Amino acid sequence: FLSVFLSIFGSWVAIWIASESRTGYALAFSGV
């Protein structure tokens, strides 16, 4: 169940950053 949390949290951080700043560098950082 810790793995569930890590999966959701990691997805949230990546999607939030990608949505806030849509530059190529930001999208690459979100992918990482």
PDB file of all heavy atoms in Angstrom:
ATOM      1  N   PHE A   1       0.819  -1.217   0.000  1.00  0.00           N
ATOM      2  CA  PHE A   1       0.000   0.000   0.000  1.00  0.00           C
ATOM      3  C   PHE A   1       0.853   1.268   0.000  1.00  0.00           C
ATOM      4  O   PHE A   1       0.400   2.315  -0.459  1.00  0.00           O
ATOM      5  CB  PHE A   1      -0.989  -0.025   1.169  1.00  0.00           C
ATOM      6  CG  PHE A   1      -2.149  -0.930   0.897  1.00  0.00           C
ATOM      7  CD1 PHE A   1      -2.116  -2.260   1.284  1.00  0.00           C
ATOM      8  CD2 PHE A   1      -3.254  -0.463   0.200  1.00  0.00           C
ATOM      9  CE1 PHE A   1      -3.176  -3.103   0.997  1.00  0.00           C
ATOM     10  CE2 PHE A   1      -4.316  -1.295  -0.089  1.00  0.00           C
ATOM     11  CZ  PHE A   1      -4.294  -2.626   0.316  1.00  0.00           C
ATOM     12  N   LEU A   2       2.083   1.168   0.478  1.00  0.00           N
ATOM     13  CA  LEU A   2       3.000   2.297   0.312  1.00  0.00           C
ATOM     14  C   LEU A   2       3.274   2.529  -1.176  1.00  0.00           C
ATOM     15  O   LEU A   2       3.381   3.683  -1.631  1.00  0.00           O
ATOM     16  CB  LEU A   2       4.309   2.031   1.045  1.00  0.00           C
ATOM     17  CG  LEU A   2       5.410   3.091   0.853  1.00  0.00           C
ATOM     18  CD1 LEU A   2       4.947   4.460   1.344  1.00  0.00           C
ATOM     19  CD2 LEU A   2       6.698   2.663   1.553  1.00  0.00           C
ATOM     20  N   SER A   3       3.358   1.458  -1.941  1.00  0.00           N
ATOM     21  CA  SER A   3       3.610   1.593  -3.376  1.00  0.00           C
ATOM     22  C   SER A   3       2.459   2.319  -4.073  1.00  0.00           C
ATOM     23  O   SER A   3       2.681   3.042  -5.047  1.00  0.00           O
ATOM     24  CB  SER A   3       3.842   0.212  -4.010  1.00  0.00           C
ATOM     25  OG  SER A   3       2.678  -0.585  -3.976  1.00  0.00           O
ATOM     26  N   VAL A   4       1.226   2.134  -3.573  1.00  0.00           N
ATOM     27  CA  VAL A   4       0.080   2.876  -4.132  1.00  0.00           C
ATOM     28  C   VAL A   4       0.287   4.376  -3.920  1.00  0.00           C
ATOM     29  O   VAL A   4       0.121   5.180  -4.851  1.00  0.00           O
ATOM     30  CB  VAL A   4      -1.246   2.445  -3.471  1.00  0.00           C
ATOM     31  CG1 VAL A   4      -2.418   3.223  -4.077  1.00  0.00           C
ATOM     32  CG2 VAL A   4      -1.470   0.964  -3.628  1.00  0.00           C
ATOM     33  N   PHE A   5       0.645   4.746  -2.709  1.00  0.00           N
ATOM     34  CA  PHE A   5       0.855   6.165  -2.390  1.00  0.00           C
ATOM     35  C   PHE A   5       1.951   6.764  -3.257  1.00  0.00           C
ATOM     36  O   PHE A   5       1.804   7.864  -3.797  1.00  0.00           O
ATOM     37  CB  PHE A   5       1.198   6.317  -0.908  1.00  0.00           C
ATOM     38  CG  PHE A   5       1.651   7.703  -0.538  1.00  0.00           C
ATOM     39  CD1 PHE A   5       0.727   8.720  -0.374  1.00  0.00           C
ATOM     40  CD2 PHE A   5       3.006   7.993  -0.389  1.00  0.00           C
ATOM     41  CE1 PHE A   5       1.143  10.010  -0.057  1.00  0.00           C
ATOM     42  CE2 PHE A   5       3.430   9.261  -0.072  1.00  0.00           C
ATOM     43  CZ  PHE A   5       2.488  10.282   0.093  1.00  0.00           C
ATOM     44  N   LEU A   6       3.068   6.054  -3.385  1.00  0.00           N
ATOM     45  CA  LEU A   6       4.185   6.567  -4.178  1.00  0.00           C
ATOM     46  C   LEU A   6       3.783   6.758  -5.635  1.00  0.00           C
ATOM     47  O   LEU A   6       4.174   7.742  -6.280  1.00  0.00           O
ATOM     48  CB  LEU A   6       5.370   5.612  -4.089  1.00  0.00           C
ATOM     49  CG  LEU A   6       6.057   5.529  -2.716  1.00  0.00           C
ATOM     50  CD1 LEU A   6       7.127   4.441  -2.730  1.00  0.00           C
ATOM     51  CD2 LEU A   6       6.669   6.867  -2.326  1.00  0.00           C
ATOM     52  N   SER A   7       2.994   5.843  -6.151  1.00  0.00           N
ATOM     53  CA  SER A   7       2.550   5.938  -7.541  1.00  0.00           C
ATOM     54  C   SER A   7       1.665   7.154  -7.758  1.00  0.00           C
ATOM     55  O   SER A   7       1.841   7.908  -8.716  1.00  0.00           O
ATOM     56  CB  SER A   7       1.800   4.651  -7.926  1.00  0.00           C
ATOM     57  OG  SER A   7       1.412   4.698  -9.276  1.00  0.00           O
ATOM     58  N   ILE A   8       0.705   7.365  -6.863  1.00  0.00           N
ATOM     59  CA  ILE A   8      -0.213   8.506  -6.996  1.00  0.00           C
ATOM     60  C   ILE A   8       0.523   9.815  -6.763  1.00  0.00           C
ATOM     61  O   ILE A   8       0.351  10.784  -7.516  1.00  0.00           O
ATOM     62  CB  ILE A   8      -1.394   8.356  -6.010  1.00  0.00           C
ATOM     63  CG1 ILE A   8      -2.236   7.137  -6.371  1.00  0.00           C
ATOM     64  CG2 ILE A   8      -2.255   9.622  -6.008  1.00  0.00           C
ATOM     65  CD1 ILE A   8      -3.304   6.806  -5.356  1.00  0.00           C
ATOM     66  N   PHE A   9       1.378   9.870  -5.740  1.00  0.00           N
ATOM     67  CA  PHE A   9       2.099  11.105  -5.436  1.00  0.00           C
ATOM     68  C   PHE A   9       3.046  11.483  -6.575  1.00  0.00           C
ATOM     69  O   PHE A   9       3.114  12.647  -6.982  1.00  0.00           O
ATOM     70  CB  PHE A   9       2.885  10.949  -4.130  1.00  0.00           C
ATOM     71  CG  PHE A   9       3.666  12.180  -3.742  1.00  0.00           C
ATOM     72  CD1 PHE A   9       3.006  13.290  -3.229  1.00  0.00           C
ATOM     73  CD2 PHE A   9       5.045  12.232  -3.906  1.00  0.00           C
ATOM     74  CE1 PHE A   9       3.719  14.434  -2.874  1.00  0.00           C
ATOM     75  CE2 PHE A   9       5.761  13.362  -3.556  1.00  0.00           C
ATOM     76  CZ  PHE A   9       5.088  14.470  -3.045  1.00  0.00           C
ATOM     77  N   GLY A  10       3.781  10.506  -7.088  1.00  0.00           N
ATOM     78  CA  GLY A  10       4.689  10.785  -8.202  1.00  0.00           C
ATOM     79  C   GLY A  10       3.947  11.281  -9.423  1.00  0.00           C
ATOM     80  O   GLY A  10       4.393  12.212 -10.106  1.00  0.00           O
ATOM     81  N   SER A  11       2.794  10.679  -9.699  1.00  0.00           N
ATOM     82  CA  SER A  11       1.982  11.120 -10.839  1.00  0.00           C
ATOM     83  C   SER A  11       1.484  12.542 -10.633  1.00  0.00           C
ATOM     84  O   SER A  11       1.493  13.358 -11.570  1.00  0.00           O
ATOM     85  CB  SER A  11       0.789  10.170 -11.031  1.00  0.00           C
ATOM     86  OG  SER A  11       1.222   8.858 -11.297  1.00  0.00           O
ATOM     87  N   TRP A  12       1.061  12.846  -9.408  1.00  0.00           N
ATOM     88  CA  TRP A  12       0.534  14.191  -9.121  1.00  0.00           C
ATOM     89  C   TRP A  12       1.610  15.257  -9.310  1.00  0.00           C
ATOM     90  O   TRP A  12       1.351  16.289  -9.951  1.00  0.00           O
ATOM     91  CB  TRP A  12      -0.012  14.247  -7.705  1.00  0.00           C
ATOM     92  CG  TRP A  12      -0.447  15.632  -7.306  1.00  0.00           C
ATOM     93  CD1 TRP A  12      -1.586  16.273  -7.687  1.00  0.00           C
ATOM     94  CD2 TRP A  12       0.277  16.550  -6.480  1.00  0.00           C
ATOM     95  NE1 TRP A  12      -1.627  17.539  -7.150  1.00  0.00           N
ATOM     96  CE2 TRP A  12      -0.495  17.739  -6.404  1.00  0.00           C
ATOM     97  CE3 TRP A  12       1.491  16.482  -5.800  1.00  0.00           C
ATOM     98  CZ2 TRP A  12      -0.078  18.839  -5.671  1.00  0.00           C
ATOM     99  CZ3 TRP A  12       1.901  17.579  -5.066  1.00  0.00           C
ATOM    100  CH2 TRP A  12       1.121  18.743  -5.007  1.00  0.00           C
ATOM    101  N   VAL A  13       2.800  15.032  -8.787  1.00  0.00           N
ATOM    102  CA  VAL A  13       3.879  16.019  -8.918  1.00  0.00           C
ATOM    103  C   VAL A  13       4.214  16.240 -10.391  1.00  0.00           C
ATOM    104  O   VAL A  13       4.331  17.379 -10.867  1.00  0.00           O
ATOM    105  CB  VAL A  13       5.134  15.571  -8.141  1.00  0.00           C
ATOM    106  CG1 VAL A  13       6.300  16.512  -8.434  1.00  0.00           C
ATOM    107  CG2 VAL A  13       4.852  15.545  -6.640  1.00  0.00           C
ATOM    108  N   ALA A  14       4.356  15.155 -11.151  1.00  0.00           N
ATOM    109  CA  ALA A  14       4.729  15.264 -12.567  1.00  0.00           C
ATOM    110  C   ALA A  14       3.648  15.980 -13.372  1.00  0.00           C
ATOM    111  O   ALA A  14       3.942  16.882 -14.169  1.00  0.00           O
ATOM    112  CB  ALA A  14       4.982  13.867 -13.140  1.00  0.00           C
ATOM    113  N   ILE A  15       2.392  15.602 -13.164  1.00  0.00           N
ATOM    114  CA  ILE A  15       1.293  16.205 -13.931  1.00  0.00           C
ATOM    115  C   ILE A  15       1.119  17.667 -13.544  1.00  0.00           C
ATOM    116  O   ILE A  15       0.862  18.525 -14.406  1.00  0.00           O
ATOM    117  CB  ILE A  15      -0.006  15.411 -13.719  1.00  0.00           C
ATOM    118  CG1 ILE A  15       0.122  14.034 -14.377  1.00  0.00           C
ATOM    119  CG2 ILE A  15      -1.209  16.153 -14.292  1.00  0.00           C
ATOM    120  CD1 ILE A  15      -1.039  13.099 -14.096  1.00  0.00           C
ATOM    121  N   TRP A  16       1.264  17.978 -12.266  1.00  0.00           N
ATOM    122  CA  TRP A  16       1.096  19.365 -11.818  1.00  0.00           C
ATOM    123  C   TRP A  16       2.160  20.274 -12.441  1.00  0.00           C
ATOM    124  O   TRP A  16       1.842  21.359 -12.942  1.00  0.00           O
ATOM    125  CB  TRP A  16       1.169  19.435 -10.298  1.00  0.00           C
ATOM    126  CG  TRP A  16       1.016  20.821  -9.767  1.00  0.00           C
ATOM    127  CD1 TRP A  16      -0.131  21.563  -9.690  1.00  0.00           C
ATOM    128  CD2 TRP A  16       2.057  21.666  -9.259  1.00  0.00           C
ATOM    129  NE1 TRP A  16       0.123  22.803  -9.162  1.00  0.00           N
ATOM    130  CE2 TRP A  16       1.453  22.892  -8.890  1.00  0.00           C
ATOM    131  CE3 TRP A  16       3.430  21.493  -9.069  1.00  0.00           C
ATOM    132  CZ2 TRP A  16       2.198  23.943  -8.345  1.00  0.00           C
ATOM    133  CZ3 TRP A  16       4.160  22.533  -8.534  1.00  0.00           C
ATOM    134  CH2 TRP A  16       3.551  23.740  -8.173  1.00  0.00           C
ATOM    135  N   ILE A  17       3.400  19.834 -12.429  1.00  0.00           N
ATOM    136  CA  ILE A  17       4.477  20.651 -13.008  1.00  0.00           C
ATOM    137  C   ILE A  17       4.272  20.807 -14.516  1.00  0.00           C
ATOM    138  O   ILE A  17       4.445  21.891 -15.075  1.00  0.00           O
ATOM    139  CB  ILE A  17       5.850  20.031 -12.693  1.00  0.00           C
ATOM    140  CG1 ILE A  17       6.150  20.168 -11.195  1.00  0.00           C
ATOM    141  CG2 ILE A  17       6.950  20.701 -13.516  1.00  0.00           C
ATOM    142  CD1 ILE A  17       7.441  19.517 -10.749  1.00  0.00           C
ATOM    143  N   ALA A  18       3.893  19.731 -15.185  1.00  0.00           N
ATOM    144  CA  ALA A  18       3.658  19.807 -16.627  1.00  0.00           C
ATOM    145  C   ALA A  18       2.524  20.764 -16.955  1.00  0.00           C
ATOM    146  O   ALA A  18       2.586  21.503 -17.951  1.00  0.00           O
ATOM    147  CB  ALA A  18       3.354  18.417 -17.174  1.00  0.00           C
ATOM    148  N   SER A  19       1.500  20.797 -16.119  1.00  0.00           N
ATOM    149  CA  SER A  19       0.345  21.663 -16.375  1.00  0.00           C
ATOM    150  C   SER A  19       0.650  23.129 -16.096  1.00  0.00           C
ATOM    151  O   SER A  19       0.115  24.017 -16.768  1.00  0.00           O
ATOM    152  CB  SER A  19      -0.845  21.226 -15.504  1.00  0.00           C
ATOM    153  OG  SER A  19      -1.236  19.908 -15.818  1.00  0.00           O
ATOM    154  N   GLU A  20       1.507  23.390 -15.118  1.00  0.00           N
ATOM    155  CA  GLU A  20       1.802  24.766 -14.742  1.00  0.00           C
ATOM    156  C   GLU A  20       2.788  25.431 -15.695  1.00  0.00           C
ATOM    157  O   GLU A  20       2.698  26.616 -15.965  1.00  0.00           O
ATOM    158  CB  GLU A  20       2.355  24.807 -13.308  1.00  0.00           C
ATOM    159  CG  GLU A  20       1.342  24.465 -12.245  1.00  0.00           C
ATOM    160  CD  GLU A  20       0.159  25.425 -12.231  1.00  0.00           C
ATOM    161  OE1 GLU A  20       0.387  26.645 -12.218  1.00  0.00           O
ATOM    162  OE2 GLU A  20      -0.991  24.945 -12.276  1.00  0.00           O
ATOM    163  N   SER A  21       3.759  24.679 -16.187  1.00  0.00           N
ATOM    164  CA  SER A  21       4.763  25.237 -17.090  1.00  0.00           C
ATOM    165  C   SER A  21       4.941  24.288 -18.260  1.00  0.00           C
ATOM    166  O   SER A  21       5.440  23.177 -18.092  1.00  0.00           O
ATOM    167  CB  SER A  21       6.097  25.432 -16.363  1.00  0.00           C
ATOM    168  OG  SER A  21       7.077  25.935 -17.235  1.00  0.00           O
ATOM    169  N   ARG A  22       4.498  24.709 -19.453  1.00  0.00           N
ATOM    170  CA  ARG A  22       4.424  23.796 -20.584  1.00  0.00           C
ATOM    171  C   ARG A  22       5.604  23.940 -21.543  1.00  0.00           C
ATOM    172  O   ARG A  22       5.503  23.587 -22.710  1.00  0.00           O
ATOM    173  CB  ARG A  22       3.106  24.015 -21.324  1.00  0.00           C
ATOM    174  CG  ARG A  22       1.906  23.849 -20.414  1.00  0.00           C
ATOM    175  CD  ARG A  22       0.619  24.130 -21.135  1.00  0.00           C
ATOM    176  NE  ARG A  22      -0.505  24.144 -20.217  1.00  0.00           N
ATOM    177  CZ  ARG A  22      -1.753  24.350 -20.581  1.00  0.00           C
ATOM    178  NH1 ARG A  22      -2.034  24.565 -21.857  1.00  0.00           N
ATOM    179  NH2 ARG A  22      -2.732  24.361 -19.696  1.00  0.00           N
ATOM    180  N   THR A  23       6.704  24.486 -21.065  1.00  0.00           N
ATOM    181  CA  THR A  23       7.893  24.581 -21.909  1.00  0.00           C
ATOM    182  C   THR A  23       8.473  23.184 -22.124  1.00  0.00           C
ATOM    183  O   THR A  23       8.172  22.240 -21.377  1.00  0.00           O
ATOM    184  CB  THR A  23       8.950  25.476 -21.262  1.00  0.00           C
ATOM    185  OG1 THR A  23       9.392  24.864 -20.030  1.00  0.00           O
ATOM    186  CG2 THR A  23       8.382  26.861 -20.953  1.00  0.00           C
ATOM    187  N   GLY A  24       9.307  23.060 -23.143  1.00  0.00           N
ATOM    188  CA  GLY A  24       9.928  21.766 -23.428  1.00  0.00           C
ATOM    189  C   GLY A  24      10.725  21.226 -22.260  1.00  0.00           C
ATOM    190  O   GLY A  24      10.675  20.030 -21.948  1.00  0.00           O
ATOM    191  N   TYR A  25      11.480  22.123 -21.580  1.00  0.00           N
ATOM    192  CA  TYR A  25      12.281  21.690 -20.435  1.00  0.00           C
ATOM    193  C   TYR A  25      11.396  21.208 -19.286  1.00  0.00           C
ATOM    194  O   TYR A  25      11.703  20.203 -18.627  1.00  0.00           O
ATOM    195  CB  TYR A  25      13.165  22.840 -19.952  1.00  0.00           C
ATOM    196  CG  TYR A  25      14.278  23.191 -20.904  1.00  0.00           C
ATOM    197  CD1 TYR A  25      14.302  24.422 -21.553  1.00  0.00           C
ATOM    198  CD2 TYR A  25      15.307  22.290 -21.183  1.00  0.00           C
ATOM    199  CE1 TYR A  25      15.325  24.745 -22.441  1.00  0.00           C
ATOM    200  CE2 TYR A  25      16.330  22.597 -22.063  1.00  0.00           C
ATOM    201  CZ  TYR A  25      16.328  23.833 -22.692  1.00  0.00           C
ATOM    202  OH  TYR A  25      17.317  24.137 -23.568  1.00  0.00           O
ATOM    203  N   ALA A  26      10.293  21.934 -19.044  1.00  0.00           N
ATOM    204  CA  ALA A  26       9.384  21.553 -17.960  1.00  0.00           C
ATOM    205  C   ALA A  26       8.731  20.203 -18.249  1.00  0.00           C
ATOM    206  O   ALA A  26       8.584  19.369 -17.347  1.00  0.00           O
ATOM    207  CB  ALA A  26       8.322  22.622 -17.756  1.00  0.00           C
ATOM    208  N   LEU A  27       8.357  19.971 -19.499  1.00  0.00           N
ATOM    209  CA  LEU A  27       7.726  18.701 -19.858  1.00  0.00           C
ATOM    210  C   LEU A  27       8.732  17.549 -19.757  1.00  0.00           C
ATOM    211  O   LEU A  27       8.384  16.442 -19.330  1.00  0.00           O
ATOM    212  CB  LEU A  27       7.148  18.782 -21.263  1.00  0.00           C
ATOM    213  CG  LEU A  27       6.005  19.805 -21.453  1.00  0.00           C
ATOM    214  CD1 LEU A  27       5.522  19.815 -22.896  1.00  0.00           C
ATOM    215  CD2 LEU A  27       4.842  19.503 -20.508  1.00  0.00           C
ATOM    216  N   ALA A  28       9.996  17.816 -20.140  1.00  0.00           N
ATOM    217  CA  ALA A  28      11.031  16.789 -19.983  1.00  0.00           C
ATOM    218  C   ALA A  28      11.275  16.485 -18.504  1.00  0.00           C
ATOM    219  O   ALA A  28      11.427  15.315 -18.109  1.00  0.00           O
ATOM    220  CB  ALA A  28      12.316  17.237 -20.661  1.00  0.00           C
ATOM    221  N   PHE A  29      11.307  17.536 -17.687  1.00  0.00           N
ATOM    222  CA  PHE A  29      11.487  17.355 -16.245  1.00  0.00           C
ATOM    223  C   PHE A  29      10.319  16.571 -15.657  1.00  0.00           C
ATOM    224  O   PHE A  29      10.510  15.683 -14.816  1.00  0.00           O
ATOM    225  CB  PHE A  29      11.610  18.719 -15.573  1.00  0.00           C
ATOM    226  CG  PHE A  29      11.852  18.668 -14.093  1.00  0.00           C
ATOM    227  CD1 PHE A  29      12.902  17.931 -13.562  1.00  0.00           C
ATOM    228  CD2 PHE A  29      11.023  19.352 -13.214  1.00  0.00           C
ATOM    229  CE1 PHE A  29      13.123  17.875 -12.192  1.00  0.00           C
ATOM    230  CE2 PHE A  29      11.229  19.307 -11.849  1.00  0.00           C
ATOM    231  CZ  PHE A  29      12.286  18.558 -11.338  1.00  0.00           C
ATOM    232  N   SER A  30       9.102  16.873 -16.131  1.00  0.00           N
ATOM    233  CA  SER A  30       7.920  16.136 -15.665  1.00  0.00           C
ATOM    234  C   SER A  30       8.005  14.675 -16.068  1.00  0.00           C
ATOM    235  O   SER A  30       7.596  13.787 -15.306  1.00  0.00           O
ATOM    236  CB  SER A  30       6.653  16.771 -16.238  1.00  0.00           C
ATOM    237  OG  SER A  30       6.480  18.089 -15.768  1.00  0.00           O
ATOM    238  N   GLY A  31       8.546  14.414 -17.276  1.00  0.00           N
ATOM    239  CA  GLY A  31       8.719  13.027 -17.702  1.00  0.00           C
ATOM    240  C   GLY A  31       9.679  12.273 -16.801  1.00  0.00           C
ATOM    241  O   GLY A  31       9.440  11.104 -16.458  1.00  0.00           O
ATOM    242  N   VAL A  32      10.759  12.940 -16.393  1.00  0.00           N
ATOM    243  CA  VAL A  32      11.720  12.316 -15.475  1.00  0.00           C
ATOM    244  C   VAL A  32      11.070  12.063 -14.112  1.00  0.00           C
ATOM    245  O   VAL A  32      11.262  10.993 -13.506  1.00  0.00           O
ATOM    246  CB  VAL A  32      12.972  13.200 -15.324  1.00  0.00           C
ATOM    247  CG1 VAL A  32      13.894  12.654 -14.226  1.00  0.00           C
ATOM    248  CG2 VAL A  32      13.730  13.286 -16.643  1.00  0.00           C
TER     249      VAL A  32
END
